[in-house]
Every structure is written in C-alpha cells, then in structure tokens.
Amino acid sequence: MLHPTGVAGAERLRSYYLANLIGNPLDTTIAAAALVFGGVIERYPRIKFLMVHGGGFAPYQAGRFDHGWRVRTEPRANLKTPPKASMDKLLFDTIAHGRPALEFLVSSCTPARVLLGSGYPFDMGTLECARQVEALSIAETDKATILRGAARRVLALP
C-alpha cells in the first residue's frame, strides 16, 4: 500500500488545505505513474500495489498515459508494452469521496481491483466507507467483492 507523506509542490499548496485535497492524490498519481512507466510492474508482475486515494488521478488519466506512450519516446524508455497492461495490475482503495468518482473507478478497473478503504484515523478518512460502497449502482456481487472479496484474494485468505 502506497501512501504519500510529503507532497509534491507543497509550497504551492499551503492555502486551503490543498496539500491534502490535491497534494495527496497527486502524489498517489506520481507513484502509480512511476511504477508503470518505470517498468516495475512489467518486470515484477506478481507484486501487488495498492494505490490509496482511489488511485489519485491515475485511473482517470489512463487514456492519456496510453496516448503519451504511443506518441512520445520518453514514456517508452522503460516500458515495453502500453501502460494499460501495467495499470490493469494496480489495486485501488475506495477513498474517492464521491459516488460518481467511485463508480467510475469500479467500472474502469473492475470490482476485483478495488478494496475498501477508510482513511481512518485521519480527518480526510470516512467511517461511512462501507455505506458508500453499498450505495453504488453496481451489482450486489460487485459490492461484496469490494467489501471483502478483493482483500481476501489479495491477502490469500479463505
């Protein structure tokens, strides 16, 4: 599980709690992109990486990652296959703080790759995490996967 501790551009994010509101998801995005474009996931496909904050901005920019890989040489420096192949191996938590964002995440990466997250005990966490999943417009089996099945599989529990 990757979680930021010091955020990029912190000096520009001092006002309005932006270091957390923008900075934490940004750092999660940077970590995901570094794992993908650095070829780490490609070289070590059995390692499971859980990206907090719903993956930051990475799931929503996956198309941009693929486009950049096709049209630029820099993203291909350490990555043999399109970024989608590596992105499809990342896991994400449910801390998106909004039903549309969480529904997009689940639909774009499948429920099997989304694990329940609370963010507890931090102020940006939520004790409503299970209720947020229950409120989604997805199949009951998909809700069960997010609430327990995905974590059981990742942790190799019965």
N, C-alpha and C. Protein backbone atom coordinates (compact mmCIF):
# COMPACT_ATOMS: atom_id res chain seq x y z
N MET A 1 0.86 -1.17 0.00
CA MET A 1 0.00 0.00 0.00
C MET A 1 0.90 1.23 0.00
N LEU A 2 0.68 2.08 -0.97
CA LEU A 2 1.48 3.29 -1.09
C LEU A 2 0.66 4.48 -0.63
N HIS A 3 1.24 5.26 0.29
CA HIS A 3 0.56 6.44 0.81
C HIS A 3 1.57 7.57 0.91
N PRO A 4 1.22 8.75 0.40
CA PRO A 4 2.16 9.88 0.46
C PRO A 4 2.38 10.39 1.88
N THR A 5 3.56 10.93 2.10
CA THR A 5 3.85 11.58 3.37
C THR A 5 4.26 13.03 3.17
N GLY A 6 4.97 13.31 2.11
CA GLY A 6 5.35 14.68 1.77
C GLY A 6 4.95 14.89 0.32
N VAL A 7 4.17 15.89 0.05
CA VAL A 7 3.59 16.01 -1.29
C VAL A 7 4.38 16.92 -2.21
N ALA A 8 4.31 16.62 -3.48
CA ALA A 8 4.97 17.43 -4.50
C ALA A 8 4.32 18.81 -4.55
N GLY A 9 5.12 19.83 -4.73
CA GLY A 9 4.59 21.17 -4.87
C GLY A 9 3.97 21.72 -3.60
N ALA A 10 4.40 21.20 -2.45
CA ALA A 10 3.78 21.60 -1.17
C ALA A 10 3.78 23.11 -0.97
N GLU A 11 4.82 23.79 -1.44
CA GLU A 11 4.88 25.24 -1.25
C GLU A 11 3.74 25.95 -1.99
N ARG A 12 3.27 25.36 -3.08
CA ARG A 12 2.16 25.95 -3.83
C ARG A 12 0.80 25.52 -3.29
N LEU A 13 0.80 24.59 -2.36
CA LEU A 13 -0.45 24.02 -1.85
C LEU A 13 -0.70 24.34 -0.39
N ARG A 14 -0.07 25.39 0.11
CA ARG A 14 -0.20 25.75 1.53
C ARG A 14 -1.59 26.25 1.91
N SER A 15 -2.23 26.94 1.01
CA SER A 15 -3.55 27.52 1.30
C SER A 15 -4.66 26.48 1.16
N TYR A 16 -5.72 26.70 1.91
CA TYR A 16 -6.99 25.99 1.75
C TYR A 16 -6.91 24.47 1.97
N TYR A 17 -5.86 23.99 2.62
CA TYR A 17 -5.68 22.55 2.86
C TYR A 17 -5.41 21.79 1.56
N LEU A 18 -4.91 22.53 0.55
CA LEU A 18 -4.67 21.92 -0.76
C LEU A 18 -3.59 20.85 -0.73
N ALA A 19 -2.67 20.92 0.25
CA ALA A 19 -1.65 19.87 0.35
C ALA A 19 -2.29 18.50 0.50
N ASN A 20 -3.44 18.46 1.17
CA ASN A 20 -4.16 17.20 1.30
C ASN A 20 -5.17 17.04 0.16
N LEU A 21 -5.97 18.05 -0.10
CA LEU A 21 -7.03 17.94 -1.09
C LEU A 21 -6.51 17.61 -2.49
N ILE A 22 -5.40 18.23 -2.86
CA ILE A 22 -4.79 18.00 -4.17
C ILE A 22 -3.48 17.22 -4.05
N GLY A 23 -2.68 17.58 -3.06
CA GLY A 23 -1.34 17.01 -2.94
C GLY A 23 -1.30 15.51 -2.72
N ASN A 24 -2.13 15.01 -1.83
CA ASN A 24 -2.12 13.55 -1.58
C ASN A 24 -2.53 12.76 -2.82
N PRO A 25 -3.65 13.11 -3.47
CA PRO A 25 -3.97 12.37 -4.70
C PRO A 25 -2.92 12.55 -5.80
N LEU A 26 -2.31 13.74 -5.85
CA LEU A 26 -1.25 13.96 -6.83
C LEU A 26 -0.07 13.03 -6.57
N ASP A 27 0.37 12.92 -5.32
CA ASP A 27 1.49 12.04 -5.02
C ASP A 27 1.15 10.58 -5.27
N THR A 28 -0.09 10.19 -5.03
CA THR A 28 -0.52 8.83 -5.37
C THR A 28 -0.42 8.62 -6.88
N THR A 29 -0.79 9.63 -7.64
CA THR A 29 -0.70 9.56 -9.10
C THR A 29 0.75 9.45 -9.55
N ILE A 30 1.61 10.24 -8.94
CA ILE A 30 3.04 10.19 -9.29
C ILE A 30 3.60 8.81 -8.99
N ALA A 31 3.24 8.23 -7.86
CA ALA A 31 3.72 6.89 -7.51
C ALA A 31 3.23 5.86 -8.53
N ALA A 32 1.96 5.92 -8.88
CA ALA A 32 1.41 4.97 -9.86
C ALA A 32 2.12 5.12 -11.20
N ALA A 33 2.28 6.35 -11.65
CA ALA A 33 2.93 6.59 -12.94
C ALA A 33 4.39 6.13 -12.93
N ALA A 34 5.09 6.34 -11.82
CA ALA A 34 6.48 5.90 -11.72
C ALA A 34 6.58 4.38 -11.77
N LEU A 35 5.66 3.69 -11.11
CA LEU A 35 5.65 2.22 -11.15
C LEU A 35 5.36 1.73 -12.57
N VAL A 36 4.41 2.37 -13.23
CA VAL A 36 4.03 1.97 -14.58
C VAL A 36 5.15 2.29 -15.57
N PHE A 37 5.52 3.57 -15.68
CA PHE A 37 6.48 3.99 -16.70
C PHE A 37 7.91 3.57 -16.37
N GLY A 38 8.19 3.31 -15.10
CA GLY A 38 9.50 2.78 -14.73
C GLY A 38 9.65 1.31 -15.08
N GLY A 39 8.56 0.69 -15.51
CA GLY A 39 8.60 -0.73 -15.89
C GLY A 39 8.60 -1.68 -14.71
N VAL A 40 8.39 -1.16 -13.52
CA VAL A 40 8.42 -2.00 -12.31
C VAL A 40 7.35 -3.07 -12.36
N ILE A 41 6.14 -2.70 -12.70
CA ILE A 41 5.03 -3.66 -12.75
C ILE A 41 5.26 -4.68 -13.85
N GLU A 42 5.79 -4.23 -14.96
CA GLU A 42 6.10 -5.13 -16.08
C GLU A 42 7.15 -6.16 -15.67
N ARG A 43 8.19 -5.71 -14.94
CA ARG A 43 9.28 -6.62 -14.53
C ARG A 43 8.89 -7.52 -13.36
N TYR A 44 8.00 -7.06 -12.50
CA TYR A 44 7.61 -7.82 -11.30
C TYR A 44 6.09 -7.96 -11.25
N PRO A 45 5.50 -8.70 -12.16
CA PRO A 45 4.05 -8.74 -12.29
C PRO A 45 3.32 -9.37 -11.11
N ARG A 46 4.01 -10.09 -10.25
CA ARG A 46 3.34 -10.73 -9.11
C ARG A 46 3.20 -9.82 -7.89
N ILE A 47 3.93 -8.71 -7.87
CA ILE A 47 3.81 -7.77 -6.75
C ILE A 47 2.49 -7.03 -6.88
N LYS A 48 1.78 -6.92 -5.78
CA LYS A 48 0.51 -6.19 -5.75
C LYS A 48 0.75 -4.81 -5.14
N PHE A 49 0.37 -3.79 -5.87
CA PHE A 49 0.49 -2.42 -5.39
C PHE A 49 -0.90 -1.85 -5.18
N LEU A 50 -1.19 -1.42 -3.96
CA LEU A 50 -2.47 -0.80 -3.63
C LEU A 50 -2.27 0.70 -3.59
N MET A 51 -2.96 1.39 -4.49
CA MET A 51 -2.86 2.84 -4.59
C MET A 51 -4.01 3.45 -3.80
N VAL A 52 -3.69 4.24 -2.78
CA VAL A 52 -4.71 4.87 -1.95
C VAL A 52 -5.32 6.07 -2.68
N HIS A 53 -6.29 6.69 -2.04
CA HIS A 53 -6.99 7.85 -2.61
C HIS A 53 -7.64 7.53 -3.94
N GLY A 54 -8.15 6.28 -4.04
CA GLY A 54 -8.79 5.86 -5.29
C GLY A 54 -7.84 5.88 -6.47
N GLY A 55 -6.54 5.82 -6.19
CA GLY A 55 -5.54 5.87 -7.26
C GLY A 55 -5.14 7.27 -7.65
N GLY A 56 -5.63 8.25 -6.87
CA GLY A 56 -5.32 9.64 -7.22
C GLY A 56 -5.97 9.98 -8.55
N PHE A 57 -5.22 10.58 -9.44
CA PHE A 57 -5.75 10.96 -10.74
C PHE A 57 -5.43 9.90 -11.79
N ALA A 58 -4.64 8.89 -11.44
CA ALA A 58 -4.18 7.90 -12.42
C ALA A 58 -5.30 7.16 -13.15
N PRO A 59 -6.32 6.64 -12.45
CA PRO A 59 -7.35 5.92 -13.20
C PRO A 59 -8.09 6.79 -14.22
N TYR A 60 -8.17 8.07 -13.92
CA TYR A 60 -8.90 8.98 -14.77
C TYR A 60 -8.04 9.50 -15.92
N GLN A 61 -6.75 9.26 -15.86
CA GLN A 61 -5.82 9.69 -16.91
C GLN A 61 -5.19 8.50 -17.64
N ALA A 62 -5.72 7.32 -17.45
CA ALA A 62 -5.16 6.11 -18.07
C ALA A 62 -5.09 6.25 -19.59
N GLY A 63 -6.11 6.83 -20.19
CA GLY A 63 -6.09 7.05 -21.64
C GLY A 63 -4.96 7.98 -22.05
N ARG A 64 -4.71 9.00 -21.24
CA ARG A 64 -3.61 9.94 -21.51
C ARG A 64 -2.27 9.22 -21.42
N PHE A 65 -2.13 8.33 -20.43
CA PHE A 65 -0.90 7.55 -20.29
C PHE A 65 -0.65 6.73 -21.57
N ASP A 66 -1.68 6.04 -22.05
CA ASP A 66 -1.53 5.22 -23.26
C ASP A 66 -1.21 6.09 -24.48
N HIS A 67 -1.91 7.21 -24.61
CA HIS A 67 -1.66 8.10 -25.75
C HIS A 67 -0.22 8.60 -25.73
N GLY A 68 0.23 9.05 -24.56
CA GLY A 68 1.61 9.54 -24.44
C GLY A 68 2.62 8.46 -24.79
N TRP A 69 2.36 7.22 -24.38
CA TRP A 69 3.26 6.10 -24.67
C TRP A 69 3.34 5.87 -26.19
N ARG A 70 2.22 6.07 -26.87
CA ARG A 70 2.20 5.86 -28.33
C ARG A 70 2.90 6.97 -29.09
N VAL A 71 2.77 8.22 -28.64
CA VAL A 71 3.26 9.35 -29.45
C VAL A 71 4.60 9.93 -29.02
N ARG A 72 5.09 9.53 -27.84
CA ARG A 72 6.35 10.08 -27.33
C ARG A 72 7.32 8.95 -27.04
N THR A 73 8.61 9.25 -27.13
CA THR A 73 9.62 8.23 -26.83
C THR A 73 9.88 8.11 -25.33
N GLU A 74 9.76 9.22 -24.59
CA GLU A 74 10.11 9.20 -23.16
C GLU A 74 9.30 8.16 -22.36
N PRO A 75 8.00 8.04 -22.55
CA PRO A 75 7.25 7.05 -21.77
C PRO A 75 7.61 5.61 -22.12
N ARG A 76 8.25 5.39 -23.26
CA ARG A 76 8.63 4.03 -23.68
C ARG A 76 10.03 3.63 -23.22
N ALA A 77 10.74 4.54 -22.55
CA ALA A 77 12.13 4.27 -22.17
C ALA A 77 12.28 2.98 -21.37
N ASN A 78 11.39 2.71 -20.46
CA ASN A 78 11.49 1.52 -19.60
C ASN A 78 10.25 0.63 -19.67
N LEU A 79 9.36 0.92 -20.59
CA LEU A 79 8.08 0.22 -20.65
C LEU A 79 7.88 -0.35 -22.05
N LYS A 80 7.87 -1.69 -22.15
CA LYS A 80 7.79 -2.35 -23.45
C LYS A 80 6.37 -2.38 -24.01
N THR A 81 5.39 -2.51 -23.13
CA THR A 81 4.00 -2.62 -23.57
C THR A 81 3.24 -1.36 -23.16
N PRO A 82 2.10 -1.10 -23.77
CA PRO A 82 1.33 0.09 -23.40
C PRO A 82 1.04 0.13 -21.90
N PRO A 83 0.94 1.32 -21.33
CA PRO A 83 0.71 1.47 -19.89
C PRO A 83 -0.52 0.73 -19.38
N LYS A 84 -1.53 0.55 -20.20
CA LYS A 84 -2.75 -0.12 -19.77
C LYS A 84 -2.46 -1.49 -19.17
N ALA A 85 -1.52 -2.23 -19.74
CA ALA A 85 -1.19 -3.56 -19.23
C ALA A 85 -0.70 -3.49 -17.78
N SER A 86 0.09 -2.49 -17.47
CA SER A 86 0.56 -2.31 -16.09
C SER A 86 -0.52 -1.73 -15.20
N MET A 87 -1.25 -0.75 -15.71
CA MET A 87 -2.34 -0.15 -14.94
C MET A 87 -3.37 -1.20 -14.53
N ASP A 88 -3.58 -2.20 -15.41
CA ASP A 88 -4.56 -3.25 -15.13
C ASP A 88 -4.14 -4.17 -13.99
N LYS A 89 -2.94 -3.99 -13.48
CA LYS A 89 -2.47 -4.80 -12.35
C LYS A 89 -2.50 -4.04 -11.03
N LEU A 90 -2.72 -2.73 -11.09
CA LEU A 90 -2.78 -1.93 -9.87
C LEU A 90 -4.10 -2.16 -9.13
N LEU A 91 -4.03 -2.05 -7.81
CA LEU A 91 -5.21 -2.11 -6.96
C LEU A 91 -5.48 -0.71 -6.43
N PHE A 92 -6.74 -0.44 -6.09
CA PHE A 92 -7.12 0.89 -5.64
C PHE A 92 -8.03 0.78 -4.42
N ASP A 93 -7.96 1.77 -3.53
CA ASP A 93 -8.92 1.79 -2.42
C ASP A 93 -10.13 2.64 -2.82
N THR A 94 -11.12 2.64 -1.95
CA THR A 94 -12.39 3.31 -2.27
C THR A 94 -12.43 4.78 -1.86
N ILE A 95 -11.34 5.34 -1.39
CA ILE A 95 -11.36 6.71 -0.89
C ILE A 95 -11.34 7.71 -2.05
N ALA A 96 -12.51 7.86 -2.67
CA ALA A 96 -12.68 8.81 -3.76
C ALA A 96 -13.56 9.98 -3.33
N HIS A 97 -14.26 9.82 -2.20
CA HIS A 97 -15.12 10.87 -1.62
C HIS A 97 -16.19 11.38 -2.57
N GLY A 98 -16.71 10.51 -3.37
CA GLY A 98 -17.81 10.90 -4.25
C GLY A 98 -18.31 9.71 -5.03
N ARG A 99 -19.61 9.54 -5.05
CA ARG A 99 -20.21 8.39 -5.73
C ARG A 99 -19.83 8.32 -7.21
N PRO A 100 -19.95 9.40 -7.99
CA PRO A 100 -19.60 9.29 -9.42
C PRO A 100 -18.14 8.88 -9.63
N ALA A 101 -17.23 9.42 -8.82
CA ALA A 101 -15.82 9.07 -8.97
C ALA A 101 -15.59 7.61 -8.62
N LEU A 102 -16.23 7.14 -7.55
CA LEU A 102 -16.06 5.74 -7.15
C LEU A 102 -16.70 4.80 -8.18
N GLU A 103 -17.85 5.18 -8.71
CA GLU A 103 -18.48 4.34 -9.73
C GLU A 103 -17.62 4.29 -10.99
N PHE A 104 -17.00 5.41 -11.35
CA PHE A 104 -16.08 5.40 -12.49
C PHE A 104 -14.91 4.47 -12.22
N LEU A 105 -14.33 4.58 -11.04
CA LEU A 105 -13.19 3.73 -10.69
C LEU A 105 -13.56 2.26 -10.81
N VAL A 106 -14.68 1.86 -10.22
CA VAL A 106 -15.10 0.46 -10.25
C VAL A 106 -15.36 0.01 -11.69
N SER A 107 -16.01 0.85 -12.48
CA SER A 107 -16.33 0.44 -13.85
C SER A 107 -15.09 0.41 -14.74
N SER A 108 -14.11 1.24 -14.44
CA SER A 108 -12.93 1.29 -15.30
C SER A 108 -11.88 0.25 -14.96
N CYS A 109 -11.89 -0.25 -13.72
CA CYS A 109 -10.84 -1.21 -13.38
C CYS A 109 -11.36 -2.53 -12.82
N THR A 110 -12.63 -2.72 -12.71
CA THR A 110 -13.31 -3.91 -12.21
C THR A 110 -13.31 -3.95 -10.68
N PRO A 111 -14.39 -4.46 -10.09
CA PRO A 111 -14.50 -4.53 -8.63
C PRO A 111 -13.40 -5.37 -7.97
N ALA A 112 -12.86 -6.33 -8.69
CA ALA A 112 -11.83 -7.20 -8.11
C ALA A 112 -10.55 -6.45 -7.78
N ARG A 113 -10.40 -5.24 -8.30
CA ARG A 113 -9.19 -4.46 -8.05
C ARG A 113 -9.45 -3.27 -7.15
N VAL A 114 -10.64 -3.22 -6.56
CA VAL A 114 -10.99 -2.11 -5.66
C VAL A 114 -11.21 -2.68 -4.26
N LEU A 115 -10.45 -2.17 -3.30
CA LEU A 115 -10.54 -2.64 -1.92
C LEU A 115 -11.11 -1.53 -1.04
N LEU A 116 -11.88 -1.94 -0.06
CA LEU A 116 -12.47 -0.99 0.87
C LEU A 116 -11.37 -0.22 1.59
N GLY A 117 -11.51 1.09 1.63
CA GLY A 117 -10.59 1.94 2.35
C GLY A 117 -11.37 2.90 3.23
N SER A 118 -10.78 3.28 4.33
CA SER A 118 -11.47 4.20 5.24
C SER A 118 -10.71 5.51 5.42
N GLY A 119 -9.39 5.46 5.32
CA GLY A 119 -8.58 6.63 5.62
C GLY A 119 -8.52 6.92 7.11
N TYR A 120 -9.09 6.05 7.91
CA TYR A 120 -9.11 6.21 9.36
C TYR A 120 -7.69 6.12 9.89
N PRO A 121 -7.28 6.92 10.81
CA PRO A 121 -8.00 7.85 11.67
C PRO A 121 -7.88 9.30 11.21
N PHE A 122 -7.52 9.53 9.98
CA PHE A 122 -7.26 10.90 9.52
C PHE A 122 -8.56 11.65 9.22
N ASP A 123 -8.50 12.98 9.28
CA ASP A 123 -9.69 13.79 9.06
C ASP A 123 -10.27 13.64 7.66
N MET A 124 -9.47 13.26 6.70
CA MET A 124 -9.98 13.06 5.35
C MET A 124 -10.47 11.63 5.14
N GLY A 125 -10.42 10.84 6.18
CA GLY A 125 -10.98 9.49 6.10
C GLY A 125 -12.48 9.53 6.30
N THR A 126 -13.09 8.38 6.28
CA THR A 126 -14.52 8.29 6.48
C THR A 126 -14.88 7.00 7.20
N LEU A 127 -15.83 7.10 8.09
CA LEU A 127 -16.37 5.90 8.74
C LEU A 127 -17.59 5.40 7.96
N GLU A 128 -17.90 6.08 6.86
CA GLU A 128 -19.04 5.71 6.01
C GLU A 128 -18.60 4.87 4.82
N CYS A 129 -17.39 4.34 4.83
CA CYS A 129 -16.83 3.68 3.65
C CYS A 129 -17.69 2.50 3.17
N ALA A 130 -18.15 1.65 4.07
CA ALA A 130 -18.99 0.52 3.65
C ALA A 130 -20.32 1.02 3.10
N ARG A 131 -20.90 2.00 3.75
CA ARG A 131 -22.18 2.56 3.25
C ARG A 131 -22.01 3.19 1.87
N GLN A 132 -20.86 3.80 1.63
CA GLN A 132 -20.62 4.40 0.32
C GLN A 132 -20.58 3.32 -0.77
N VAL A 133 -19.98 2.20 -0.45
CA VAL A 133 -19.95 1.09 -1.42
C VAL A 133 -21.36 0.52 -1.60
N GLU A 134 -22.08 0.35 -0.50
CA GLU A 134 -23.45 -0.18 -0.57
C GLU A 134 -24.36 0.71 -1.41
N ALA A 135 -24.09 2.01 -1.46
CA ALA A 135 -24.93 2.96 -2.19
C ALA A 135 -24.63 3.00 -3.69
N LEU A 136 -23.58 2.33 -4.13
CA LEU A 136 -23.22 2.37 -5.55
C LEU A 136 -24.26 1.67 -6.41
N SER A 137 -24.38 2.12 -7.64
CA SER A 137 -25.28 1.49 -8.62
C SER A 137 -24.53 0.39 -9.35
N ILE A 138 -24.18 -0.65 -8.60
CA ILE A 138 -23.48 -1.80 -9.17
C ILE A 138 -24.13 -3.06 -8.60
N ALA A 139 -23.80 -4.20 -9.16
CA ALA A 139 -24.36 -5.47 -8.73
C ALA A 139 -23.98 -5.77 -7.28
N GLU A 140 -24.86 -6.47 -6.59
CA GLU A 140 -24.58 -6.86 -5.20
C GLU A 140 -23.32 -7.71 -5.10
N THR A 141 -23.08 -8.56 -6.08
CA THR A 141 -21.86 -9.39 -6.06
C THR A 141 -20.62 -8.52 -6.17
N ASP A 142 -20.71 -7.42 -6.94
CA ASP A 142 -19.58 -6.50 -7.05
C ASP A 142 -19.35 -5.75 -5.74
N LYS A 143 -20.43 -5.39 -5.07
CA LYS A 143 -20.30 -4.75 -3.76
C LYS A 143 -19.60 -5.69 -2.78
N ALA A 144 -20.02 -6.96 -2.78
CA ALA A 144 -19.40 -7.95 -1.89
C ALA A 144 -17.92 -8.12 -2.20
N THR A 145 -17.58 -8.07 -3.47
CA THR A 145 -16.16 -8.17 -3.86
C THR A 145 -15.37 -7.02 -3.27
N ILE A 146 -15.90 -5.81 -3.40
CA ILE A 146 -15.19 -4.63 -2.88
C ILE A 146 -15.13 -4.66 -1.36
N LEU A 147 -16.21 -5.04 -0.72
CA LEU A 147 -16.28 -5.02 0.75
C LEU A 147 -15.44 -6.11 1.40
N ARG A 148 -15.27 -7.26 0.74
CA ARG A 148 -14.49 -8.33 1.36
C ARG A 148 -13.71 -9.20 0.40
N GLY A 149 -14.27 -9.52 -0.74
CA GLY A 149 -13.65 -10.50 -1.63
C GLY A 149 -12.29 -10.11 -2.17
N ALA A 150 -12.16 -8.87 -2.60
CA ALA A 150 -10.89 -8.44 -3.18
C ALA A 150 -9.76 -8.49 -2.15
N ALA A 151 -10.03 -8.02 -0.94
CA ALA A 151 -9.00 -8.05 0.11
C ALA A 151 -8.64 -9.49 0.47
N ARG A 152 -9.64 -10.35 0.56
CA ARG A 152 -9.35 -11.77 0.86
C ARG A 152 -8.44 -12.37 -0.20
N ARG A 153 -8.73 -12.07 -1.46
CA ARG A 153 -7.90 -12.61 -2.54
C ARG A 153 -6.48 -12.07 -2.47
N VAL A 154 -6.34 -10.75 -2.30
CA VAL A 154 -5.02 -10.14 -2.24
C VAL A 154 -4.20 -10.67 -1.07
N LEU A 155 -4.86 -10.87 0.07
CA LEU A 155 -4.18 -11.36 1.28
C LEU A 155 -4.14 -12.86 1.36
N ALA A 156 -4.65 -13.54 0.33
CA ALA A 156 -4.68 -15.01 0.27
C ALA A 156 -5.37 -15.61 1.49
N LEU A 157 -6.53 -15.04 1.84
CA LEU A 157 -7.33 -15.55 2.94
C LEU A 157 -8.47 -16.40 2.40
N PRO A 158 -8.97 -17.34 3.20
CA PRO A 158 -10.10 -18.18 2.71
C PRO A 158 -11.38 -17.37 2.54
